[in-house]
């Protein structure tokens, strides 16, 4: 689903491609 590096910390949700329907995030 995603792990923050800094720029994404605190506001970014599930990353690509985990958010698409064919994938289990």
ModelCIF file with pLDDT and N, C-alpha, C, O atoms, coordinates in Angstrom:
data_MODEL
#
_entry.id   MODEL 
#
_entity.id                         1 
_entity.type                       polymer 
_entity.pdbx_number_of_molecules   1 
#
_entity_poly.entity_id                      1 
_entity_poly.type                           'polypeptide(L)' 
_entity_poly.nstd_linkage                   no 
_entity_poly.nstd_monomer                   no 
_entity_poly.pdbx_seq_one_letter_code       
;(UNK)(UNK)(UNK)(UNK)(UNK)(UNK)(UNK)(UNK)(UNK)(UNK)(UNK)(UNK)(UNK)(UNK)(UNK)(UNK)
(UNK)(UNK)(UNK)(UNK)(UNK)(UNK)(UNK)(UNK)(UNK)
;
_entity_poly.pdbx_seq_one_letter_code_can   XXXXXXXXXXXXXXXXXXXXXXXXX 
_entity_poly.pdbx_strand_id                 A 
#
loop_
_entity_poly_seq.entity_id 
_entity_poly_seq.num 
_entity_poly_seq.mon_id 
_entity_poly_seq.hetero 
1 1  UNK n 
1 2  UNK n 
1 3  UNK n 
1 4  UNK n 
1 5  UNK n 
1 6  UNK n 
1 7  UNK n 
1 8  UNK n 
1 9  UNK n 
1 10 UNK n 
1 11 UNK n 
1 12 UNK n 
1 13 UNK n 
1 14 UNK n 
1 15 UNK n 
1 16 UNK n 
1 17 UNK n 
1 18 UNK n 
1 19 UNK n 
1 20 UNK n 
1 21 UNK n 
1 22 UNK n 
1 23 UNK n 
1 24 UNK n 
1 25 UNK n 
#
_struct_asym.id          A 
_struct_asym.entity_id   1 
#
loop_
_ma_qa_metric.id 
_ma_qa_metric.mode 
_ma_qa_metric.name 
_ma_qa_metric.software_group_id 
_ma_qa_metric.type 
1 global pLDDT . pLDDT 
2 local  pLDDT . pLDDT 
#
_ma_qa_metric_global.metric_id      1 
_ma_qa_metric_global.metric_value   81.40 
_ma_qa_metric_global.model_id       1 
_ma_qa_metric_global.ordinal_id     1 
#
loop_
_ma_qa_metric_local.label_asym_id 
_ma_qa_metric_local.label_comp_id 
_ma_qa_metric_local.label_seq_id 
_ma_qa_metric_local.metric_id 
_ma_qa_metric_local.metric_value 
_ma_qa_metric_local.model_id 
_ma_qa_metric_local.ordinal_id 
A UNK 1  2 95.00 1 1  
A UNK 2  2 92.00 1 2  
A UNK 3  2 85.00 1 3  
A UNK 4  2 77.00 1 4  
A UNK 5  2 59.00 1 5  
A UNK 6  2 53.00 1 6  
A UNK 7  2 47.00 1 7  
A UNK 8  2 50.00 1 8  
A UNK 9  2 48.00 1 9  
A UNK 10 2 53.00 1 10 
A UNK 11 2 52.00 1 11 
A UNK 12 2 75.00 1 12 
A UNK 13 2 88.00 1 13 
A UNK 14 2 94.00 1 14 
A UNK 15 2 94.00 1 15 
A UNK 16 2 96.00 1 16 
A UNK 17 2 97.00 1 17 
A UNK 18 2 97.00 1 18 
A UNK 19 2 97.00 1 19 
A UNK 20 2 97.00 1 20 
A UNK 21 2 97.00 1 21 
A UNK 22 2 98.00 1 22 
A UNK 23 2 98.00 1 23 
A UNK 24 2 98.00 1 24 
A UNK 25 2 98.00 1 25 
#
loop_
_atom_site.group_PDB 
_atom_site.id 
_atom_site.type_symbol 
_atom_site.label_atom_id 
_atom_site.label_alt_id 
_atom_site.label_comp_id 
_atom_site.label_asym_id 
_atom_site.label_entity_id 
_atom_site.label_seq_id 
_atom_site.pdbx_PDB_ins_code 
_atom_site.Cartn_x 
_atom_site.Cartn_y 
_atom_site.Cartn_z 
_atom_site.occupancy 
_atom_site.B_iso_or_equiv 
_atom_site.pdbx_formal_charge 
_atom_site.auth_seq_id 
_atom_site.auth_comp_id 
_atom_site.auth_asym_id 
_atom_site.auth_atom_id 
_atom_site.pdbx_PDB_model_num 
ATOM 1   N N  . UNK A 1 1  ? 0.820  -1.211 0.000  1.00 95.00 ? 1  UNK A N  1 
ATOM 2   C CA . UNK A 1 1  ? 0.000  0.000  0.000  1.00 95.00 ? 1  UNK A CA 1 
ATOM 3   C C  . UNK A 1 1  ? 0.853  1.260  0.000  1.00 95.00 ? 1  UNK A C  1 
ATOM 4   O O  . UNK A 1 1  ? 0.385  2.331  -0.388 1.00 95.00 ? 1  UNK A O  1 
ATOM 5   N N  . UNK A 1 2  ? 2.108  1.136  0.435  1.00 92.00 ? 2  UNK A N  1 
ATOM 6   C CA . UNK A 1 2  ? 3.012  2.277  0.396  1.00 92.00 ? 2  UNK A CA 1 
ATOM 7   C C  . UNK A 1 2  ? 3.679  2.552  1.726  1.00 92.00 ? 2  UNK A C  1 
ATOM 8   O O  . UNK A 1 2  ? 3.091  2.358  2.790  1.00 92.00 ? 2  UNK A O  1 
ATOM 9   N N  . UNK A 1 3  ? 4.920  3.007  1.648  1.00 85.00 ? 3  UNK A N  1 
ATOM 10  C CA . UNK A 1 3  ? 5.689  3.406  2.822  1.00 85.00 ? 3  UNK A CA 1 
ATOM 11  C C  . UNK A 1 3  ? 6.308  4.768  2.525  1.00 85.00 ? 3  UNK A C  1 
ATOM 12  O O  . UNK A 1 3  ? 6.919  4.951  1.472  1.00 85.00 ? 3  UNK A O  1 
ATOM 13  N N  . UNK A 1 4  ? 6.158  5.718  3.432  1.00 77.00 ? 4  UNK A N  1 
ATOM 14  C CA . UNK A 1 4  ? 6.572  7.094  3.171  1.00 77.00 ? 4  UNK A CA 1 
ATOM 15  C C  . UNK A 1 4  ? 8.077  7.254  3.091  1.00 77.00 ? 4  UNK A C  1 
ATOM 16  O O  . UNK A 1 4  ? 8.837  6.599  3.803  1.00 77.00 ? 4  UNK A O  1 
ATOM 17  N N  . UNK A 1 5  ? 8.489  8.162  2.185  1.00 59.00 ? 5  UNK A N  1 
ATOM 18  C CA . UNK A 1 5  ? 9.888  8.549  2.063  1.00 59.00 ? 5  UNK A CA 1 
ATOM 19  C C  . UNK A 1 5  ? 10.145 9.962  2.583  1.00 59.00 ? 5  UNK A C  1 
ATOM 20  O O  . UNK A 1 5  ? 11.299 10.355 2.752  1.00 59.00 ? 5  UNK A O  1 
ATOM 21  N N  . UNK A 1 6  ? 9.100  10.720 2.835  1.00 53.00 ? 6  UNK A N  1 
ATOM 22  C CA . UNK A 1 6  ? 9.270  12.099 3.275  1.00 53.00 ? 6  UNK A CA 1 
ATOM 23  C C  . UNK A 1 6  ? 8.264  13.002 2.579  1.00 53.00 ? 6  UNK A C  1 
ATOM 24  O O  . UNK A 1 6  ? 7.416  13.611 3.232  1.00 53.00 ? 6  UNK A O  1 
ATOM 25  N N  . UNK A 1 7  ? 8.357  13.091 1.245  1.00 47.00 ? 7  UNK A N  1 
ATOM 26  C CA . UNK A 1 7  ? 7.443  13.911 0.459  1.00 47.00 ? 7  UNK A CA 1 
ATOM 27  C C  . UNK A 1 7  ? 6.010  13.422 0.607  1.00 47.00 ? 7  UNK A C  1 
ATOM 28  O O  . UNK A 1 7  ? 5.071  14.218 0.578  1.00 47.00 ? 7  UNK A O  1 
ATOM 29  N N  . UNK A 1 8  ? 5.840  12.106 0.766  1.00 50.00 ? 8  UNK A N  1 
ATOM 30  C CA . UNK A 1 8  ? 4.502  11.521 0.847  1.00 50.00 ? 8  UNK A CA 1 
ATOM 31  C C  . UNK A 1 8  ? 4.003  11.399 2.281  1.00 50.00 ? 8  UNK A C  1 
ATOM 32  O O  . UNK A 1 8  ? 2.854  11.009 2.491  1.00 50.00 ? 8  UNK A O  1 
ATOM 33  N N  . UNK A 1 9  ? 4.814  11.712 3.256  1.00 48.00 ? 9  UNK A N  1 
ATOM 34  C CA . UNK A 1 9  ? 4.490  11.445 4.652  1.00 48.00 ? 9  UNK A CA 1 
ATOM 35  C C  . UNK A 1 9  ? 3.288  12.254 5.125  1.00 48.00 ? 9  UNK A C  1 
ATOM 36  O O  . UNK A 1 9  ? 3.234  13.473 4.967  1.00 48.00 ? 9  UNK A O  1 
ATOM 37  N N  . UNK A 1 10 ? 2.327  11.544 5.708  1.00 53.00 ? 10 UNK A N  1 
ATOM 38  C CA . UNK A 1 10 ? 1.221  12.190 6.390  1.00 53.00 ? 10 UNK A CA 1 
ATOM 39  C C  . UNK A 1 10 ? 0.022  12.558 5.542  1.00 53.00 ? 10 UNK A C  1 
ATOM 40  O O  . UNK A 1 10 ? -1.012 12.932 6.094  1.00 53.00 ? 10 UNK A O  1 
ATOM 41  N N  . UNK A 1 11 ? 0.116  12.469 4.214  1.00 52.00 ? 11 UNK A N  1 
ATOM 42  C CA . UNK A 1 11 ? -1.018 12.901 3.403  1.00 52.00 ? 11 UNK A CA 1 
ATOM 43  C C  . UNK A 1 11 ? -1.315 11.992 2.222  1.00 52.00 ? 11 UNK A C  1 
ATOM 44  O O  . UNK A 1 11 ? -2.425 12.013 1.690  1.00 52.00 ? 11 UNK A O  1 
ATOM 45  N N  . UNK A 1 12 ? -0.336 11.191 1.803  1.00 75.00 ? 12 UNK A N  1 
ATOM 46  C CA . UNK A 1 12 ? -0.539 10.355 0.616  1.00 75.00 ? 12 UNK A CA 1 
ATOM 47  C C  . UNK A 1 12 ? -1.163 9.024  1.022  1.00 75.00 ? 12 UNK A C  1 
ATOM 48  O O  . UNK A 1 12 ? -0.744 8.407  2.001  1.00 75.00 ? 12 UNK A O  1 
ATOM 49  N N  . UNK A 1 13 ? -2.160 8.589  0.270  1.00 88.00 ? 13 UNK A N  1 
ATOM 50  C CA . UNK A 1 13 ? -2.843 7.327  0.563  1.00 88.00 ? 13 UNK A CA 1 
ATOM 51  C C  . UNK A 1 13 ? -2.162 6.147  -0.101 1.00 88.00 ? 13 UNK A C  1 
ATOM 52  O O  . UNK A 1 13 ? -0.936 6.106  -0.202 1.00 88.00 ? 13 UNK A O  1 
ATOM 53  N N  . UNK A 1 14 ? -2.953 5.190  -0.554 1.00 94.00 ? 14 UNK A N  1 
ATOM 54  C CA . UNK A 1 14 ? -2.434 3.973  -1.173 1.00 94.00 ? 14 UNK A CA 1 
ATOM 55  C C  . UNK A 1 14 ? -1.786 4.322  -2.509 1.00 94.00 ? 14 UNK A C  1 
ATOM 56  O O  . UNK A 1 14 ? -2.366 5.052  -3.313 1.00 94.00 ? 14 UNK A O  1 
ATOM 57  N N  . UNK A 1 15 ? -0.591 3.801  -2.743 1.00 94.00 ? 15 UNK A N  1 
ATOM 58  C CA . UNK A 1 15 ? 0.181  4.132  -3.933 1.00 94.00 ? 15 UNK A CA 1 
ATOM 59  C C  . UNK A 1 15 ? -0.215 3.259  -5.123 1.00 94.00 ? 15 UNK A C  1 
ATOM 60  O O  . UNK A 1 15 ? -1.005 2.323  -4.997 1.00 94.00 ? 15 UNK A O  1 
ATOM 61  N N  . UNK A 1 16 ? 0.350  3.589  -6.269 1.00 96.00 ? 16 UNK A N  1 
ATOM 62  C CA . UNK A 1 16 ? 0.158  2.803  -7.484 1.00 96.00 ? 16 UNK A CA 1 
ATOM 63  C C  . UNK A 1 16 ? 1.230  1.709  -7.548 1.00 96.00 ? 16 UNK A C  1 
ATOM 64  O O  . UNK A 1 16 ? 2.391  2.001  -7.260 1.00 96.00 ? 16 UNK A O  1 
ATOM 65  N N  . UNK A 1 17 ? 0.895  0.464  -7.912 1.00 97.00 ? 17 UNK A N  1 
ATOM 66  C CA . UNK A 1 17 ? -0.390 0.014  -8.438 1.00 97.00 ? 17 UNK A CA 1 
ATOM 67  C C  . UNK A 1 17 ? -1.313 -0.620 -7.402 1.00 97.00 ? 17 UNK A C  1 
ATOM 68  O O  . UNK A 1 17 ? -2.316 -1.235 -7.766 1.00 97.00 ? 17 UNK A O  1 
ATOM 69  N N  . UNK A 1 18 ? -0.987 -0.478 -6.105 1.00 97.00 ? 18 UNK A N  1 
ATOM 70  C CA . UNK A 1 18 ? -1.774 -1.169 -5.084 1.00 97.00 ? 18 UNK A CA 1 
ATOM 71  C C  . UNK A 1 18 ? -3.234 -0.747 -5.080 1.00 97.00 ? 18 UNK A C  1 
ATOM 72  O O  . UNK A 1 18 ? -4.092 -1.506 -4.629 1.00 97.00 ? 18 UNK A O  1 
ATOM 73  N N  . UNK A 1 19 ? -3.536 0.459  -5.576 1.00 97.00 ? 19 UNK A N  1 
ATOM 74  C CA . UNK A 1 19 ? -4.921 0.909  -5.488 1.00 97.00 ? 19 UNK A CA 1 
ATOM 75  C C  . UNK A 1 19 ? -5.815 0.399  -6.608 1.00 97.00 ? 19 UNK A C  1 
ATOM 76  O O  . UNK A 1 19 ? -7.026 0.615  -6.555 1.00 97.00 ? 19 UNK A O  1 
ATOM 77  N N  . UNK A 1 20 ? -5.270 -0.267 -7.616 1.00 97.00 ? 20 UNK A N  1 
ATOM 78  C CA . UNK A 1 20 ? -6.140 -0.734 -8.698 1.00 97.00 ? 20 UNK A CA 1 
ATOM 79  C C  . UNK A 1 20 ? -6.877 -2.004 -8.274 1.00 97.00 ? 20 UNK A C  1 
ATOM 80  O O  . UNK A 1 20 ? -6.418 -2.728 -7.391 1.00 97.00 ? 20 UNK A O  1 
ATOM 81  N N  . UNK A 1 21 ? -8.010 -2.268 -8.899 1.00 97.00 ? 21 UNK A N  1 
ATOM 82  C CA . UNK A 1 21 ? -8.944 -3.284 -8.403 1.00 97.00 ? 21 UNK A CA 1 
ATOM 83  C C  . UNK A 1 21 ? -8.431 -4.715 -8.524 1.00 97.00 ? 21 UNK A C  1 
ATOM 84  O O  . UNK A 1 21 ? -8.876 -5.590 -7.781 1.00 97.00 ? 21 UNK A O  1 
ATOM 85  N N  . UNK A 1 22 ? -7.515 -4.966 -9.436 1.00 98.00 ? 22 UNK A N  1 
ATOM 86  C CA . UNK A 1 22 ? -7.012 -6.334 -9.623 1.00 98.00 ? 22 UNK A CA 1 
ATOM 87  C C  . UNK A 1 22 ? -5.997 -6.742 -8.557 1.00 98.00 ? 22 UNK A C  1 
ATOM 88  O O  . UNK A 1 22 ? -5.544 -7.886 -8.531 1.00 98.00 ? 22 UNK A O  1 
ATOM 89  N N  . UNK A 1 23 ? -5.645 -5.809 -7.684 1.00 98.00 ? 23 UNK A N  1 
ATOM 90  C CA . UNK A 1 23 ? -4.578 -6.008 -6.707 1.00 98.00 ? 23 UNK A CA 1 
ATOM 91  C C  . UNK A 1 23 ? -5.143 -6.000 -5.299 1.00 98.00 ? 23 UNK A C  1 
ATOM 92  O O  . UNK A 1 23 ? -6.086 -5.264 -5.009 1.00 98.00 ? 23 UNK A O  1 
ATOM 93  N N  . UNK A 1 24 ? -4.570 -6.815 -4.424 1.00 98.00 ? 24 UNK A N  1 
ATOM 94  C CA . UNK A 1 24 ? -4.873 -6.769 -2.995 1.00 98.00 ? 24 UNK A CA 1 
ATOM 95  C C  . UNK A 1 24 ? -3.805 -5.929 -2.316 1.00 98.00 ? 24 UNK A C  1 
ATOM 96  O O  . UNK A 1 24 ? -2.643 -6.328 -2.244 1.00 98.00 ? 24 UNK A O  1 
ATOM 97  N N  . UNK A 1 25 ? -4.201 -4.765 -1.820 1.00 98.00 ? 25 UNK A N  1 
ATOM 98  C CA . UNK A 1 25 ? -3.269 -3.844 -1.171 1.00 98.00 ? 25 UNK A CA 1 
ATOM 99  C C  . UNK A 1 25 ? -3.098 -4.227 0.296  1.00 98.00 ? 25 UNK A C  1 
ATOM 100 O O  . UNK A 1 25 ? -2.350 -3.571 1.021  1.00 98.00 ? 25 UNK A O  1 
#
